[in-house]
């Protein structure tokens, strides 16, 4: 109740989550599937929400599809496109981000 630093931390977390949610809604309405997958993947590396940056993430194509609003098959195609663009490297159950800024601004 009286900790100003803790209250600031909570407000920053809530603000980041709300911004992430609004961004996801916008992306689902305006972007093509490849770009939605790229932005969904990039959102998992938000430095305010996830401060310990590790370029590797263990996530299935199905789980990424839930985040991007796409089927597993469509996510697979998008990951291939992103891999050919040099933004990510895909291994079984593991995605390595090579260019986070490129993912954040990928338009297809």
C-alpha atoms as a PDB file:
ATOM      1  CA  UNK A   1       0.000   0.000   0.000  1.00  0.00           C
ATOM      2  CA  UNK A   2       2.815   2.450   0.713  1.00  0.00           C
ATOM      3  CA  UNK A   3       5.657   1.267  -1.533  1.00  0.00           C
ATOM      4  CA  UNK A   4       5.991   3.771  -4.372  1.00  0.00           C
ATOM      5  CA  UNK A   5       8.626   1.719  -6.278  1.00  0.00           C
ATOM      6  CA  UNK A   6       6.429  -1.384  -6.140  1.00  0.00           C
ATOM      7  CA  UNK A   7       3.380   0.580  -7.308  1.00  0.00           C
ATOM      8  CA  UNK A   8       5.403   1.993 -10.225  1.00  0.00           C
ATOM      9  CA  UNK A   9       6.534  -1.512 -11.114  1.00  0.00           C
ATOM     10  CA  UNK A  10       2.927  -2.752 -11.143  1.00  0.00           C
ATOM     11  CA  UNK A  11       1.735   0.179 -13.239  1.00  0.00           C
ATOM     12  CA  UNK A  12       4.541  -0.362 -15.741  1.00  0.00           C
ATOM     13  CA  UNK A  13       3.685  -4.068 -16.002  1.00  0.00           C
ATOM     14  CA  UNK A  14      -0.020  -3.341 -16.502  1.00  0.00           C
ATOM     15  CA  UNK A  15       0.747  -0.662 -19.071  1.00  0.00           C
ATOM     16  CA  UNK A  16       3.022  -2.998 -21.041  1.00  0.00           C
ATOM     17  CA  UNK A  17       0.447  -5.813 -20.975  1.00  0.00           C
ATOM     18  CA  UNK A  18      -2.324  -3.481 -22.107  1.00  0.00           C
ATOM     19  CA  UNK A  19      -0.143  -2.107 -24.894  1.00  0.00           C
ATOM     20  CA  UNK A  20       0.703  -5.649 -25.961  1.00  0.00           C
ATOM     21  CA  UNK A  21      -2.986  -6.592 -26.017  1.00  0.00           C
ATOM     22  CA  UNK A  22      -3.971  -3.540 -28.067  1.00  0.00           C
ATOM     23  CA  UNK A  23      -1.137  -4.267 -30.487  1.00  0.00           C
ATOM     24  CA  UNK A  24      -2.318  -7.850 -30.894  1.00  0.00           C
ATOM     25  CA  UNK A  25      -5.855  -6.726 -31.710  1.00  0.00           C
ATOM     26  CA  UNK A  26      -4.522  -4.265 -34.277  1.00  0.00           C
ATOM     27  CA  UNK A  27      -2.230  -6.872 -35.835  1.00  0.00           C
ATOM     28  CA  UNK A  28      -5.029  -9.430 -36.131  1.00  0.00           C
ATOM     29  CA  UNK A  29      -7.134  -6.953 -38.054  1.00  0.00           C
ATOM     30  CA  UNK A  30      -4.520  -5.375 -40.318  1.00  0.00           C
ATOM     31  CA  UNK A  31      -1.643  -7.767 -40.964  1.00  0.00           C
ATOM     32  CA  UNK A  32      -1.153 -10.809 -43.159  1.00  0.00           C
ATOM     33  CA  UNK A  33      -0.473 -14.171 -41.431  1.00  0.00           C
ATOM     34  CA  UNK A  34       3.319 -14.045 -41.909  1.00  0.00           C
ATOM     35  CA  UNK A  35       3.507 -10.630 -40.269  1.00  0.00           C
ATOM     36  CA  UNK A  36       1.147 -11.718 -37.462  1.00  0.00           C
ATOM     37  CA  UNK A  37       3.401 -14.669 -36.670  1.00  0.00           C
ATOM     38  CA  UNK A  38       6.465 -12.395 -36.723  1.00  0.00           C
ATOM     39  CA  UNK A  39       4.872  -9.847 -34.388  1.00  0.00           C
ATOM     40  CA  UNK A  40       3.509 -12.529 -32.063  1.00  0.00           C
ATOM     41  CA  UNK A  41       6.944 -14.077 -31.801  1.00  0.00           C
ATOM     42  CA  UNK A  42       8.554 -10.679 -31.225  1.00  0.00           C
ATOM     43  CA  UNK A  43       6.068  -9.889 -28.446  1.00  0.00           C
ATOM     44  CA  UNK A  44       7.504 -12.794 -26.437  1.00  0.00           C
ATOM     45  CA  UNK A  45      10.745 -10.801 -26.175  1.00  0.00           C
ATOM     46  CA  UNK A  46       9.361  -7.590 -24.651  1.00  0.00           C
ATOM     47  CA  UNK A  47      12.257  -6.278 -22.491  1.00  0.00           C
ATOM     48  CA  UNK A  48       9.907  -4.806 -19.867  1.00  0.00           C
ATOM     49  CA  UNK A  49       7.898  -7.982 -19.399  1.00  0.00           C
ATOM     50  CA  UNK A  50      10.734 -10.463 -19.953  1.00  0.00           C
ATOM     51  CA  UNK A  51      13.973  -8.680 -18.981  1.00  0.00           C
ATOM     52  CA  UNK A  52      16.328 -11.665 -19.294  1.00  0.00           C
ATOM     53  CA  UNK A  53      16.797 -11.781 -23.065  1.00  0.00           C
ATOM     54  CA  UNK A  54      17.541 -15.246 -24.359  1.00  0.00           C
ATOM     55  CA  UNK A  55      17.245 -15.499 -28.160  1.00  0.00           C
ATOM     56  CA  UNK A  56      16.012 -19.103 -27.895  1.00  0.00           C
ATOM     57  CA  UNK A  57      12.410 -19.946 -27.140  1.00  0.00           C
ATOM     58  CA  UNK A  58      10.836 -23.359 -26.806  1.00  0.00           C
ATOM     59  CA  UNK A  59       7.402 -23.097 -28.350  1.00  0.00           C
ATOM     60  CA  UNK A  60       5.393 -25.361 -30.600  1.00  0.00           C
ATOM     61  CA  UNK A  61       3.907 -24.232 -33.886  1.00  0.00           C
ATOM     62  CA  UNK A  62       0.483 -24.898 -32.430  1.00  0.00           C
ATOM     63  CA  UNK A  63       1.134 -22.595 -29.455  1.00  0.00           C
ATOM     64  CA  UNK A  64       2.481 -19.889 -31.743  1.00  0.00           C
ATOM     65  CA  UNK A  65      -0.620 -20.355 -33.874  1.00  0.00           C
ATOM     66  CA  UNK A  66      -2.821 -19.635 -30.857  1.00  0.00           C
ATOM     67  CA  UNK A  67      -0.935 -16.381 -30.276  1.00  0.00           C
ATOM     68  CA  UNK A  68      -1.038 -15.341 -33.935  1.00  0.00           C
ATOM     69  CA  UNK A  69      -4.563 -16.504 -34.697  1.00  0.00           C
ATOM     70  CA  UNK A  70      -3.392 -18.922 -37.391  1.00  0.00           C
ATOM     71  CA  UNK A  71      -3.384 -22.654 -37.973  1.00  0.00           C
ATOM     72  CA  UNK A  72      -0.306 -24.763 -37.229  1.00  0.00           C
ATOM     73  CA  UNK A  73       0.172 -25.333 -40.945  1.00  0.00           C
ATOM     74  CA  UNK A  74       0.049 -21.597 -41.677  1.00  0.00           C
ATOM     75  CA  UNK A  75       2.497 -20.918 -38.832  1.00  0.00           C
ATOM     76  CA  UNK A  76       4.856 -23.472 -40.369  1.00  0.00           C
ATOM     77  CA  UNK A  77       4.753 -21.598 -43.685  1.00  0.00           C
ATOM     78  CA  UNK A  78       5.306 -18.274 -41.934  1.00  0.00           C
ATOM     79  CA  UNK A  79       8.282 -19.631 -39.990  1.00  0.00           C
ATOM     80  CA  UNK A  80       9.833 -20.778 -43.261  1.00  0.00           C
ATOM     81  CA  UNK A  81       9.376 -17.283 -44.719  1.00  0.00           C
ATOM     82  CA  UNK A  82      10.875 -15.681 -41.610  1.00  0.00           C
ATOM     83  CA  UNK A  83      13.762 -18.134 -41.704  1.00  0.00           C
ATOM     84  CA  UNK A  84      14.502 -17.355 -45.351  1.00  0.00           C
ATOM     85  CA  UNK A  85      14.433 -13.642 -44.464  1.00  0.00           C
ATOM     86  CA  UNK A  86      17.201 -14.307 -41.917  1.00  0.00           C
ATOM     87  CA  UNK A  87      15.094 -13.249 -38.936  1.00  0.00           C
ATOM     88  CA  UNK A  88      14.886 -16.599 -37.148  1.00  0.00           C
ATOM     89  CA  UNK A  89      16.320 -20.089 -37.133  1.00  0.00           C
ATOM     90  CA  UNK A  90      13.883 -22.946 -36.602  1.00  0.00           C
ATOM     91  CA  UNK A  91      14.762 -26.263 -34.987  1.00  0.00           C
ATOM     92  CA  UNK A  92      12.434 -28.924 -33.620  1.00  0.00           C
ATOM     93  CA  UNK A  93      10.482 -27.241 -30.795  1.00  0.00           C
ATOM     94  CA  UNK A  94      12.975 -24.354 -30.654  1.00  0.00           C
ATOM     95  CA  UNK A  95      13.072 -20.990 -32.376  1.00  0.00           C
ATOM     96  CA  UNK A  96      16.165 -18.810 -32.262  1.00  0.00           C
ATOM     97  CA  UNK A  97      15.620 -15.117 -32.922  1.00  0.00           C
ATOM     98  CA  UNK A  98      18.414 -13.674 -35.046  1.00  0.00           C
ATOM     99  CA  UNK A  99      16.933 -10.206 -35.690  1.00  0.00           C
ATOM    100  CA  UNK A 100      14.387  -9.040 -33.110  1.00  0.00           C
ATOM    101  CA  UNK A 101      13.954  -5.597 -34.630  1.00  0.00           C
ATOM    102  CA  UNK A 102      13.347  -7.179 -38.025  1.00  0.00           C
ATOM    103  CA  UNK A 103      10.612  -9.355 -36.516  1.00  0.00           C
ATOM    104  CA  UNK A 104       8.988  -6.352 -34.871  1.00  0.00           C
ATOM    105  CA  UNK A 105       8.772  -4.515 -38.206  1.00  0.00           C
ATOM    106  CA  UNK A 106       8.194  -7.428 -40.593  1.00  0.00           C
ATOM    107  CA  UNK A 107       5.409  -6.697 -43.071  1.00  0.00           C
ATOM    108  CA  UNK A 108       5.672  -9.708 -45.339  1.00  0.00           C
END
